[in-house]
């Protein structure tokens, strides 16, 4: 007799994803701030829109922090989805139809 995997509530997945992305964001910010201090010798700009912050520094911080934070959140969400799939045998409902199947895509209009 095989064991059936219990279906988990999709709300649990959503809550788990939220917690994971918050934790990943906090870890990413700490790592990014540490890397910024090590490479520039000063703290990252508290407000890059402040005219007293040099433009190169504001742009560099915006690009670095935006990229690192987005990657951290995406990786945390993917790991949560992988865990959900391993636990239930299927992807969470919001990820089951993501439009990535090229064989089902319609031909581009010219």
PDB file of N, CA and C in Angstrom:
ATOM      1  N   UNK A   1       0.835  -1.171   0.000  1.00  0.00           N
ATOM      2  CA  UNK A   1       0.000   0.000   0.000  1.00  0.00           C
ATOM      3  C   UNK A   1       0.885   1.241   0.000  1.00  0.00           C
ATOM      4  N   UNK A   2       0.674   2.105  -0.952  1.00  0.00           N
ATOM      5  CA  UNK A   2       1.495   3.313  -1.031  1.00  0.00           C
ATOM      6  C   UNK A   2       0.873   4.422  -0.210  1.00  0.00           C
ATOM      7  N   UNK A   3       1.748   5.255   0.290  1.00  0.00           N
ATOM      8  CA  UNK A   3       1.265   6.391   1.064  1.00  0.00           C
ATOM      9  C   UNK A   3       0.923   7.528   0.114  1.00  0.00           C
ATOM     10  N   UNK A   4      -0.247   8.105   0.301  1.00  0.00           N
ATOM     11  CA  UNK A   4      -0.621   9.274  -0.491  1.00  0.00           C
ATOM     12  C   UNK A   4      -0.085  10.513   0.208  1.00  0.00           C
ATOM     13  N   UNK A   5       0.411  11.434  -0.584  1.00  0.00           N
ATOM     14  CA  UNK A   5       0.868  12.679   0.002  1.00  0.00           C
ATOM     15  C   UNK A   5      -0.336  13.536   0.333  1.00  0.00           C
ATOM     16  N   UNK A   6      -0.298  14.130   1.518  1.00  0.00           N
ATOM     17  CA  UNK A   6      -1.401  14.988   1.935  1.00  0.00           C
ATOM     18  C   UNK A   6      -1.342  16.295   1.159  1.00  0.00           C
ATOM     19  N   UNK A   7      -2.475  16.719   0.676  1.00  0.00           N
ATOM     20  CA  UNK A   7      -2.547  18.014   0.002  1.00  0.00           C
ATOM     21  C   UNK A   7      -2.511  19.102   1.055  1.00  0.00           C
ATOM     22  N   UNK A   8      -1.641  20.057   0.851  1.00  0.00           N
ATOM     23  CA  UNK A   8      -1.548  21.168   1.782  1.00  0.00           C
ATOM     24  C   UNK A   8      -2.392  22.330   1.286  1.00  0.00           C
ATOM     25  N   UNK A   9      -2.805  23.118   2.203  1.00  0.00           N
ATOM     26  CA  UNK A   9      -3.613  24.286   1.902  1.00  0.00           C
ATOM     27  C   UNK A   9      -2.752  25.308   1.154  1.00  0.00           C
ATOM     28  N   UNK A  10      -3.217  25.813   0.012  1.00  0.00           N
ATOM     29  CA  UNK A  10      -2.449  26.829  -0.719  1.00  0.00           C
ATOM     30  C   UNK A  10      -2.190  28.090   0.105  1.00  0.00           C
ATOM     31  N   UNK A  11      -3.045  28.359   1.095  1.00  0.00           N
ATOM     32  CA  UNK A  11      -2.819  29.520   1.954  1.00  0.00           C
ATOM     33  C   UNK A  11      -1.566  29.322   2.797  1.00  0.00           C
ATOM     34  N   UNK A  12      -1.293  28.078   3.161  1.00  0.00           N
ATOM     35  CA  UNK A  12      -0.076  27.775   3.906  1.00  0.00           C
ATOM     36  C   UNK A  12       1.137  28.059   3.019  1.00  0.00           C
ATOM     37  N   UNK A  13       1.040  27.702   1.741  1.00  0.00           N
ATOM     38  CA  UNK A  13       2.120  28.009   0.801  1.00  0.00           C
ATOM     39  C   UNK A  13       2.335  29.516   0.718  1.00  0.00           C
ATOM     40  N   UNK A  14       1.263  30.269   0.591  1.00  0.00           N
ATOM     41  CA  UNK A  14       1.378  31.730   0.484  1.00  0.00           C
ATOM     42  C   UNK A  14       2.012  32.323   1.733  1.00  0.00           C
ATOM     43  N   UNK A  15       1.592  31.851   2.893  1.00  0.00           N
ATOM     44  CA  UNK A  15       2.164  32.350   4.146  1.00  0.00           C
ATOM     45  C   UNK A  15       3.631  31.951   4.259  1.00  0.00           C
ATOM     46  N   UNK A  16       3.947  30.717   3.876  1.00  0.00           N
ATOM     47  CA  UNK A  16       5.336  30.263   3.911  1.00  0.00           C
ATOM     48  C   UNK A  16       6.213  31.061   2.969  1.00  0.00           C
ATOM     49  N   UNK A  17       5.676  31.370   1.799  1.00  0.00           N
ATOM     50  CA  UNK A  17       6.421  32.174   0.838  1.00  0.00           C
ATOM     51  C   UNK A  17       6.660  33.570   1.393  1.00  0.00           C
ATOM     52  N   UNK A  18       5.658  34.146   2.019  1.00  0.00           N
ATOM     53  CA  UNK A  18       5.805  35.486   2.600  1.00  0.00           C
ATOM     54  C   UNK A  18       6.889  35.502   3.669  1.00  0.00           C
ATOM     55  N   UNK A  19       6.866  34.527   4.551  1.00  0.00           N
ATOM     56  CA  UNK A  19       7.876  34.454   5.611  1.00  0.00           C
ATOM     57  C   UNK A  19       9.260  34.240   5.004  1.00  0.00           C
ATOM     58  N   UNK A  20       9.359  33.323   4.050  1.00  0.00           N
ATOM     59  CA  UNK A  20      10.656  33.034   3.431  1.00  0.00           C
ATOM     60  C   UNK A  20      11.220  34.250   2.703  1.00  0.00           C
ATOM     61  N   UNK A  21      10.367  35.001   2.026  1.00  0.00           N
ATOM     62  CA  UNK A  21      10.868  36.168   1.295  1.00  0.00           C
ATOM     63  C   UNK A  21      11.279  37.289   2.247  1.00  0.00           C
ATOM     64  N   UNK A  22      10.581  37.419   3.357  1.00  0.00           N
ATOM     65  CA  UNK A  22      10.982  38.422   4.351  1.00  0.00           C
ATOM     66  C   UNK A  22      12.333  38.073   4.945  1.00  0.00           C
ATOM     67  N   UNK A  23      12.510  36.816   5.334  1.00  0.00           N
ATOM     68  CA  UNK A  23      13.786  36.380   5.899  1.00  0.00           C
ATOM     69  C   UNK A  23      14.905  36.516   4.862  1.00  0.00           C
ATOM     70  N   UNK A  24      14.636  36.111   3.629  1.00  0.00           N
ATOM     71  CA  UNK A  24      15.645  36.231   2.576  1.00  0.00           C
ATOM     72  C   UNK A  24      15.992  37.695   2.320  1.00  0.00           C
ATOM     73  N   UNK A  25      14.994  38.560   2.350  1.00  0.00           N
ATOM     74  CA  UNK A  25      15.241  39.983   2.155  1.00  0.00           C
ATOM     75  C   UNK A  25      16.110  40.574   3.253  1.00  0.00           C
ATOM     76  N   UNK A  26      15.843  40.166   4.491  1.00  0.00           N
ATOM     77  CA  UNK A  26      16.650  40.651   5.609  1.00  0.00           C
ATOM     78  C   UNK A  26      18.099  40.166   5.490  1.00  0.00           C
ATOM     79  N   UNK A  27      18.268  38.901   5.135  1.00  0.00           N
ATOM     80  CA  UNK A  27      19.618  38.359   4.973  1.00  0.00           C
ATOM     81  C   UNK A  27      20.341  39.037   3.808  1.00  0.00           C
ATOM     82  N   UNK A  28      19.617  39.268   2.724  1.00  0.00           N
ATOM     83  CA  UNK A  28      20.220  39.923   1.557  1.00  0.00           C
ATOM     84  C   UNK A  28      20.632  41.351   1.888  1.00  0.00           C
ATOM     85  N   UNK A  29      19.798  42.066   2.631  1.00  0.00           N
ATOM     86  CA  UNK A  29      20.139  43.444   2.986  1.00  0.00           C
ATOM     87  C   UNK A  29      21.379  43.487   3.865  1.00  0.00           C
ATOM     88  N   UNK A  30      21.463  42.571   4.814  1.00  0.00           N
ATOM     89  CA  UNK A  30      22.636  42.514   5.679  1.00  0.00           C
ATOM     90  C   UNK A  30      23.896  42.218   4.861  1.00  0.00           C
ATOM     91  N   UNK A  31      23.817  41.241   3.975  1.00  0.00           N
ATOM     92  CA  UNK A  31      24.965  40.882   3.142  1.00  0.00           C
ATOM     93  C   UNK A  31      25.345  42.033   2.214  1.00  0.00           C
ATOM     94  N   UNK A  32      24.351  42.675   1.631  1.00  0.00           N
ATOM     95  CA  UNK A  32      24.606  43.780   0.711  1.00  0.00           C
ATOM     96  C   UNK A  32      25.235  44.967   1.429  1.00  0.00           C
ATOM     97  N   UNK A  33      24.724  45.291   2.611  1.00  0.00           N
ATOM     98  CA  UNK A  33      25.289  46.391   3.395  1.00  0.00           C
ATOM     99  C   UNK A  33      26.738  46.094   3.775  1.00  0.00           C
ATOM    100  N   UNK A  34      27.008  44.861   4.174  1.00  0.00           N
ATOM    101  CA  UNK A  34      28.366  44.465   4.520  1.00  0.00           C
ATOM    102  C   UNK A  34      29.290  44.570   3.311  1.00  0.00           C
ATOM    103  N   UNK A  35      28.822  44.096   2.165  1.00  0.00           N
ATOM    104  CA  UNK A  35      29.628  44.168   0.939  1.00  0.00           C
ATOM    105  C   UNK A  35      29.862  45.621   0.533  1.00  0.00           C
ATOM    106  N   UNK A  36      28.842  46.464   0.674  1.00  0.00           N
ATOM    107  CA  UNK A  36      28.977  47.886   0.324  1.00  0.00           C
ATOM    108  C   UNK A  36      30.045  48.545   1.200  1.00  0.00           C
ATOM    109  N   UNK A  37      29.962  48.283   2.512  1.00  0.00           N
ATOM    110  CA  UNK A  37      30.944  48.862   3.445  1.00  0.00           C
ATOM    111  C   UNK A  37      32.347  48.397   3.117  1.00  0.00           C
ATOM    112  N   UNK A  38      32.478  47.105   2.785  1.00  0.00           N
ATOM    113  CA  UNK A  38      33.801  46.556   2.477  1.00  0.00           C
ATOM    114  C   UNK A  38      34.371  47.154   1.187  1.00  0.00           C
ATOM    115  N   UNK A  39      33.517  47.401   0.213  1.00  0.00           N
ATOM    116  CA  UNK A  39      34.021  47.889  -1.075  1.00  0.00           C
ATOM    117  C   UNK A  39      34.173  49.408  -1.139  1.00  0.00           C
ATOM    118  N   UNK A  40      33.349  50.143  -0.380  1.00  0.00           N
ATOM    119  CA  UNK A  40      33.420  51.609  -0.462  1.00  0.00           C
ATOM    120  C   UNK A  40      34.028  52.248   0.776  1.00  0.00           C
ATOM    121  N   UNK A  41      34.041  51.521   1.884  1.00  0.00           N
ATOM    122  CA  UNK A  41      34.551  52.084   3.128  1.00  0.00           C
ATOM    123  C   UNK A  41      33.553  52.970   3.852  1.00  0.00           C
ATOM    124  N   UNK A  42      32.316  53.015   3.383  1.00  0.00           N
ATOM    125  CA  UNK A  42      31.298  53.809   4.069  1.00  0.00           C
ATOM    126  C   UNK A  42      29.954  53.096   4.015  1.00  0.00           C
ATOM    127  N   UNK A  43      29.010  53.623   4.790  1.00  0.00           N
ATOM    128  CA  UNK A  43      27.670  53.050   4.820  1.00  0.00           C
ATOM    129  C   UNK A  43      26.944  53.319   3.507  1.00  0.00           C
ATOM    130  N   UNK A  44      26.020  52.438   3.125  1.00  0.00           N
ATOM    131  CA  UNK A  44      25.223  52.707   1.922  1.00  0.00           C
ATOM    132  C   UNK A  44      24.346  53.941   2.151  1.00  0.00           C
ATOM    133  N   UNK A  45      23.960  54.611   1.083  1.00  0.00           N
ATOM    134  CA  UNK A  45      23.121  55.791   1.258  1.00  0.00           C
ATOM    135  C   UNK A  45      21.769  55.432   1.875  1.00  0.00           C
ATOM    136  N   UNK A  46      21.387  56.193   2.911  1.00  0.00           N
ATOM    137  CA  UNK A  46      20.102  55.956   3.564  1.00  0.00           C
ATOM    138  C   UNK A  46      18.961  56.362   2.638  1.00  0.00           C
ATOM    139  N   UNK A  47      19.185  57.419   1.855  1.00  0.00           N
ATOM    140  CA  UNK A  47      18.175  57.885   0.919  1.00  0.00           C
ATOM    141  C   UNK A  47      18.878  58.300  -0.376  1.00  0.00           C
ATOM    142  N   UNK A  48      18.913  57.411  -1.355  1.00  0.00           N
ATOM    143  CA  UNK A  48      19.614  57.727  -2.602  1.00  0.00           C
ATOM    144  C   UNK A  48      19.065  58.951  -3.337  1.00  0.00           C
ATOM    145  N   UNK A  49      17.847  59.379  -3.031  1.00  0.00           N
ATOM    146  CA  UNK A  49      17.271  60.558  -3.679  1.00  0.00           C
ATOM    147  C   UNK A  49      17.810  61.860  -3.090  1.00  0.00           C
ATOM    148  N   UNK A  50      18.497  61.783  -1.971  1.00  0.00           N
ATOM    149  CA  UNK A  50      19.069  62.973  -1.329  1.00  0.00           C
ATOM    150  C   UNK A  50      20.117  63.596  -2.248  1.00  0.00           C
ATOM    151  N   UNK A  51      19.986  64.886  -2.583  1.00  0.00           N
ATOM    152  CA  UNK A  51      20.954  65.536  -3.477  1.00  0.00           C
ATOM    153  C   UNK A  51      22.379  65.561  -2.919  1.00  0.00           C
ATOM    154  N   UNK A  52      22.538  65.365  -1.592  1.00  0.00           N
ATOM    155  CA  UNK A  52      23.880  65.335  -1.019  1.00  0.00           C
ATOM    156  C   UNK A  52      24.603  64.020  -1.298  1.00  0.00           C
ATOM    157  N   UNK A  53      23.876  63.011  -1.718  1.00  0.00           N
ATOM    158  CA  UNK A  53      24.478  61.724  -2.083  1.00  0.00           C
ATOM    159  C   UNK A  53      24.972  61.850  -3.524  1.00  0.00           C
ATOM    160  N   UNK A  54      26.218  61.450  -3.741  1.00  0.00           N
ATOM    161  CA  UNK A  54      26.757  61.537  -5.101  1.00  0.00           C
ATOM    162  C   UNK A  54      25.928  60.660  -6.038  1.00  0.00           C
ATOM    163  N   UNK A  55      25.758  61.133  -7.276  1.00  0.00           N
ATOM    164  CA  UNK A  55      24.912  60.431  -8.237  1.00  0.00           C
ATOM    165  C   UNK A  55      25.388  59.005  -8.479  1.00  0.00           C
ATOM    166  N   UNK A  56      26.693  58.805  -8.668  1.00  0.00           N
ATOM    167  CA  UNK A  56      27.207  57.455  -8.936  1.00  0.00           C
ATOM    168  C   UNK A  56      26.864  56.512  -7.790  1.00  0.00           C
ATOM    169  N   UNK A  57      26.946  57.060  -6.553  1.00  0.00           N
ATOM    170  CA  UNK A  57      26.680  56.239  -5.374  1.00  0.00           C
ATOM    171  C   UNK A  57      25.192  55.887  -5.290  1.00  0.00           C
ATOM    172  N   UNK A  58      24.335  56.861  -5.580  1.00  0.00           N
ATOM    173  CA  UNK A  58      22.897  56.623  -5.549  1.00  0.00           C
ATOM    174  C   UNK A  58      22.498  55.590  -6.601  1.00  0.00           C
ATOM    175  N   UNK A  59      23.042  55.718  -7.811  1.00  0.00           N
ATOM    176  CA  UNK A  59      22.719  54.776  -8.889  1.00  0.00           C
ATOM    177  C   UNK A  59      23.256  53.386  -8.563  1.00  0.00           C
ATOM    178  N   UNK A  60      24.494  53.319  -8.106  1.00  0.00           N
ATOM    179  CA  UNK A  60      25.094  52.016  -7.773  1.00  0.00           C
ATOM    180  C   UNK A  60      24.311  51.310  -6.672  1.00  0.00           C
ATOM    181  N   UNK A  61      23.920  52.063  -5.641  1.00  0.00           N
ATOM    182  CA  UNK A  61      23.156  51.463  -4.546  1.00  0.00           C
ATOM    183  C   UNK A  61      21.777  51.006  -5.016  1.00  0.00           C
ATOM    184  N   UNK A  62      21.124  51.826  -5.837  1.00  0.00           N
ATOM    185  CA  UNK A  62      19.797  51.459  -6.341  1.00  0.00           C
ATOM    186  C   UNK A  62      19.867  50.189  -7.183  1.00  0.00           C
ATOM    187  N   UNK A  63      20.853  50.103  -8.061  1.00  0.00           N
ATOM    188  CA  UNK A  63      21.002  48.927  -8.920  1.00  0.00           C
ATOM    189  C   UNK A  63      21.352  47.696  -8.079  1.00  0.00           C
ATOM    190  N   UNK A  64      22.328  47.833  -7.208  1.00  0.00           N
ATOM    191  CA  UNK A  64      22.768  46.688  -6.399  1.00  0.00           C
ATOM    192  C   UNK A  64      21.658  46.214  -5.464  1.00  0.00           C
ATOM    193  N   UNK A  65      21.039  47.135  -4.740  1.00  0.00           N
ATOM    194  CA  UNK A  65      20.022  46.717  -3.772  1.00  0.00           C
ATOM    195  C   UNK A  65      18.780  46.173  -4.470  1.00  0.00           C
ATOM    196  N   UNK A  66      18.371  46.790  -5.559  1.00  0.00           N
ATOM    197  CA  UNK A  66      17.207  46.288  -6.285  1.00  0.00           C
ATOM    198  C   UNK A  66      17.431  44.904  -6.835  1.00  0.00           C
ATOM    199  N   UNK A  67      18.602  44.693  -7.414  1.00  0.00           N
ATOM    200  CA  UNK A  67      18.926  43.391  -7.991  1.00  0.00           C
ATOM    201  C   UNK A  67      19.037  42.313  -6.924  1.00  0.00           C
ATOM    202  N   UNK A  68      19.789  42.592  -5.878  1.00  0.00           N
ATOM    203  CA  UNK A  68      20.008  41.591  -4.824  1.00  0.00           C
ATOM    204  C   UNK A  68      18.709  41.262  -4.106  1.00  0.00           C
ATOM    205  N   UNK A  69      17.900  42.265  -3.811  1.00  0.00           N
ATOM    206  CA  UNK A  69      16.642  42.007  -3.102  1.00  0.00           C
ATOM    207  C   UNK A  69      15.670  41.206  -3.967  1.00  0.00           C
ATOM    208  N   UNK A  70      15.581  41.556  -5.240  1.00  0.00           N
ATOM    209  CA  UNK A  70      14.686  40.814  -6.141  1.00  0.00           C
ATOM    210  C   UNK A  70      15.136  39.367  -6.289  1.00  0.00           C
ATOM    211  N   UNK A  71      16.436  39.154  -6.423  1.00  0.00           N
ATOM    212  CA  UNK A  71      16.956  37.785  -6.532  1.00  0.00           C
ATOM    213  C   UNK A  71      16.696  36.992  -5.256  1.00  0.00           C
ATOM    214  N   UNK A  72      16.910  37.604  -4.108  1.00  0.00           N
ATOM    215  CA  UNK A  72      16.677  36.910  -2.835  1.00  0.00           C
ATOM    216  C   UNK A  72      15.218  36.498  -2.698  1.00  0.00           C
ATOM    217  N   UNK A  73      14.306  37.414  -3.027  1.00  0.00           N
ATOM    218  CA  UNK A  73      12.873  37.089  -2.934  1.00  0.00           C
ATOM    219  C   UNK A  73      12.489  35.985  -3.916  1.00  0.00           C
ATOM    220  N   UNK A  74      13.008  36.073  -5.131  1.00  0.00           N
ATOM    221  CA  UNK A  74      12.684  35.061  -6.141  1.00  0.00           C
ATOM    222  C   UNK A  74      13.221  33.682  -5.727  1.00  0.00           C
ATOM    223  N   UNK A  75      14.458  33.635  -5.245  1.00  0.00           N
ATOM    224  CA  UNK A  75      15.036  32.355  -4.836  1.00  0.00           C
ATOM    225  C   UNK A  75      14.281  31.764  -3.644  1.00  0.00           C
ATOM    226  N   UNK A  76      13.880  32.600  -2.706  1.00  0.00           N
ATOM    227  CA  UNK A  76      13.104  32.112  -1.555  1.00  0.00           C
ATOM    228  C   UNK A  76      11.756  31.563  -2.012  1.00  0.00           C
ATOM    229  N   UNK A  77      11.097  32.256  -2.926  1.00  0.00           N
ATOM    230  CA  UNK A  77       9.801  31.789  -3.433  1.00  0.00           C
ATOM    231  C   UNK A  77       9.955  30.472  -4.180  1.00  0.00           C
ATOM    232  N   UNK A  78      11.035  30.336  -4.950  1.00  0.00           N
ATOM    233  CA  UNK A  78      11.272  29.084  -5.680  1.00  0.00           C
ATOM    234  C   UNK A  78      11.508  27.921  -4.720  1.00  0.00           C
ATOM    235  N   UNK A  79      12.302  28.159  -3.682  1.00  0.00           N
ATOM    236  CA  UNK A  79      12.565  27.095  -2.702  1.00  0.00           C
ATOM    237  C   UNK A  79      11.278  26.697  -1.987  1.00  0.00           C
ATOM    238  N   UNK A  80      10.439  27.673  -1.670  1.00  0.00           N
ATOM    239  CA  UNK A  80       9.165  27.369  -1.031  1.00  0.00           C
ATOM    240  C   UNK A  80       8.283  26.548  -1.967  1.00  0.00           C
ATOM    241  N   UNK A  81       8.264  26.898  -3.245  1.00  0.00           N
ATOM    242  CA  UNK A  81       7.474  26.140  -4.222  1.00  0.00           C
ATOM    243  C   UNK A  81       8.021  24.722  -4.381  1.00  0.00           C
ATOM    244  N   UNK A  82       9.344  24.580  -4.377  1.00  0.00           N
ATOM    245  CA  UNK A  82       9.939  23.238  -4.463  1.00  0.00           C
ATOM    246  C   UNK A  82       9.543  22.385  -3.265  1.00  0.00           C
ATOM    247  N   UNK A  83       9.583  22.975  -2.072  1.00  0.00           N
ATOM    248  CA  UNK A  83       9.183  22.252  -0.872  1.00  0.00           C
ATOM    249  C   UNK A  83       7.710  21.842  -0.960  1.00  0.00           C
ATOM    250  N   UNK A  84       6.865  22.759  -1.384  1.00  0.00           N
ATOM    251  CA  UNK A  84       5.442  22.467  -1.533  1.00  0.00           C
ATOM    252  C   UNK A  84       5.238  21.319  -2.518  1.00  0.00           C
ATOM    253  N   UNK A  85       5.941  21.371  -3.645  1.00  0.00           N
ATOM    254  CA  UNK A  85       5.794  20.322  -4.664  1.00  0.00           C
ATOM    255  C   UNK A  85       6.266  18.969  -4.135  1.00  0.00           C
ATOM    256  N   UNK A  86       7.370  18.963  -3.400  1.00  0.00           N
ATOM    257  CA  UNK A  86       7.843  17.700  -2.813  1.00  0.00           C
ATOM    258  C   UNK A  86       6.845  17.163  -1.792  1.00  0.00           C
ATOM    259  N   UNK A  87       6.219  18.067  -1.049  1.00  0.00           N
ATOM    260  CA  UNK A  87       5.286  17.660   0.007  1.00  0.00           C
ATOM    261  C   UNK A  87       3.942  17.188  -0.528  1.00  0.00           C
ATOM    262  N   UNK A  88       3.503  17.757  -1.635  1.00  0.00           N
ATOM    263  CA  UNK A  88       2.160  17.452  -2.129  1.00  0.00           C
ATOM    264  C   UNK A  88       2.146  16.667  -3.435  1.00  0.00           C
ATOM    265  N   UNK A  89       3.244  16.680  -4.158  1.00  0.00           N
ATOM    266  CA  UNK A  89       3.280  16.006  -5.450  1.00  0.00           C
ATOM    267  C   UNK A  89       2.864  16.898  -6.606  1.00  0.00           C
ATOM    268  N   UNK A  90       2.577  18.157  -6.342  1.00  0.00           N
ATOM    269  CA  UNK A  90       2.193  19.098  -7.403  1.00  0.00           C
ATOM    270  C   UNK A  90       2.585  20.514  -6.987  1.00  0.00           C
ATOM    271  N   UNK A  91       2.640  21.378  -7.965  1.00  0.00           N
ATOM    272  CA  UNK A  91       2.937  22.778  -7.683  1.00  0.00           C
ATOM    273  C   UNK A  91       1.758  23.447  -6.993  1.00  0.00           C
ATOM    274  N   UNK A  92       2.005  24.541  -6.287  1.00  0.00           N
ATOM    275  CA  UNK A  92       0.892  25.293  -5.716  1.00  0.00           C
ATOM    276  C   UNK A  92      -0.011  25.812  -6.834  1.00  0.00           C
ATOM    277  N   UNK A  93      -1.288  26.002  -6.567  1.00  0.00           N
ATOM    278  CA  UNK A  93      -2.225  26.406  -7.626  1.00  0.00           C
ATOM    279  C   UNK A  93      -1.785  27.633  -8.418  1.00  0.00           C
ATOM    280  N   UNK A  94      -1.218  28.635  -7.754  1.00  0.00           N
ATOM    281  CA  UNK A  94      -0.850  29.851  -8.479  1.00  0.00           C
ATOM    282  C   UNK A  94       0.356  29.667  -9.402  1.00  0.00           C
ATOM    283  N   UNK A  95       1.039  28.542  -9.292  1.00  0.00           N
ATOM    284  CA  UNK A  95       2.192  28.288 -10.154  1.00  0.00           C
ATOM    285  C   UNK A  95       1.921  27.222 -11.208  1.00  0.00           C
ATOM    286  N   UNK A  96       0.783  26.601 -11.174  1.00  0.00           N
ATOM    287  CA  UNK A  96       0.509  25.510 -12.103  1.00  0.00           C
ATOM    288  C   UNK A  96       0.314  25.972 -13.529  1.00  0.00           C
ATOM    289  N   UNK A  97      -0.190  27.149 -13.749  1.00  0.00           N
ATOM    290  CA  UNK A  97      -0.426  27.659 -15.095  1.00  0.00           C
ATOM    291  C   UNK A  97       0.308  28.976 -15.245  1.00  0.00           C
ATOM    292  N   UNK A  98       1.569  28.900 -15.618  1.00  0.00           N
ATOM    293  CA  UNK A  98       2.346  30.128 -15.711  1.00  0.00           C
ATOM    294  C   UNK A  98       2.624  30.568 -17.141  1.00  0.00           C
ATOM    295  N   UNK A  99       2.059  29.865 -18.129  1.00  0.00           N
ATOM    296  CA  UNK A  99       2.217  30.294 -19.513  1.00  0.00           C
ATOM    297  C   UNK A  99       3.601  30.062 -20.088  1.00  0.00           C
ATOM    298  N   UNK A 100       4.399  29.205 -19.482  1.00  0.00           N
ATOM    299  CA  UNK A 100       5.763  28.971 -19.941  1.00  0.00           C
ATOM    300  C   UNK A 100       5.872  27.820 -20.945  1.00  0.00           C
ATOM    301  N   UNK A 101       4.807  27.084 -21.164  1.00  0.00           N
ATOM    302  CA  UNK A 101       4.858  25.953 -22.082  1.00  0.00           C
ATOM    303  C   UNK A 101       4.817  26.463 -23.519  1.00  0.00           C
ATOM    304  N   UNK A 102       5.949  26.438 -24.218  1.00  0.00           N
ATOM    305  CA  UNK A 102       6.056  26.972 -25.568  1.00  0.00           C
ATOM    306  C   UNK A 102       5.203  26.207 -26.566  1.00  0.00           C
ATOM    307  N   UNK A 103       4.972  24.921 -26.291  1.00  0.00           N
ATOM    308  CA  UNK A 103       4.188  24.122 -27.242  1.00  0.00           C
ATOM    309  C   UNK A 103       2.720  24.559 -27.257  1.00  0.00           C
ATOM    310  N   UNK A 104       2.286  25.229 -26.199  1.00  0.00           N
ATOM    311  CA  UNK A 104       0.888  25.671 -26.128  1.00  0.00           C
ATOM    312  C   UNK A 104       0.737  27.153 -26.473  1.00  0.00           C
ATOM    313  N   UNK A 105       1.836  27.808 -26.760  1.00  0.00           N
ATOM    314  CA  UNK A 105       1.782  29.226 -27.077  1.00  0.00           C
ATOM    315  C   UNK A 105       1.268  29.448 -28.484  1.00  0.00           C
ATOM    316  N   UNK A 106       0.526  30.509 -28.644  1.00  0.00           N
ATOM    317  CA  UNK A 106       0.046  30.824 -29.994  1.00  0.00           C
ATOM    318  C   UNK A 106       1.168  31.492 -30.780  1.00  0.00           C
ATOM    319  N   UNK A 107       1.065  31.385 -32.085  1.00  0.00           N
ATOM    320  CA  UNK A 107       2.073  31.982 -32.954  1.00  0.00           C
ATOM    321  C   UNK A 107       2.003  33.501 -32.827  1.00  0.00           C
ATOM    322  N   UNK A 108       3.177  34.162 -32.855  1.00  0.00           N
ATOM    323  CA  UNK A 108       3.171  35.618 -32.748  1.00  0.00           C
ATOM    324  C   UNK A 108       2.474  36.254 -33.936  1.00  0.00           C
ATOM    325  N   UNK A 109       1.736  37.309 -33.679  1.00  0.00           N
ATOM    326  CA  UNK A 109       1.038  38.034 -34.752  1.00  0.00           C
ATOM    327  C   UNK A 109       2.028  38.913 -35.497  1.00  0.00           C
ATOM    328  N   UNK A 110       1.875  38.990 -36.792  1.00  0.00           N
ATOM    329  CA  UNK A 110       2.780  39.841 -37.599  1.00  0.00           C
ATOM    330  C   UNK A 110       2.073  41.057 -38.070  1.00  0.00           C
TER     331      UNK A 110
END
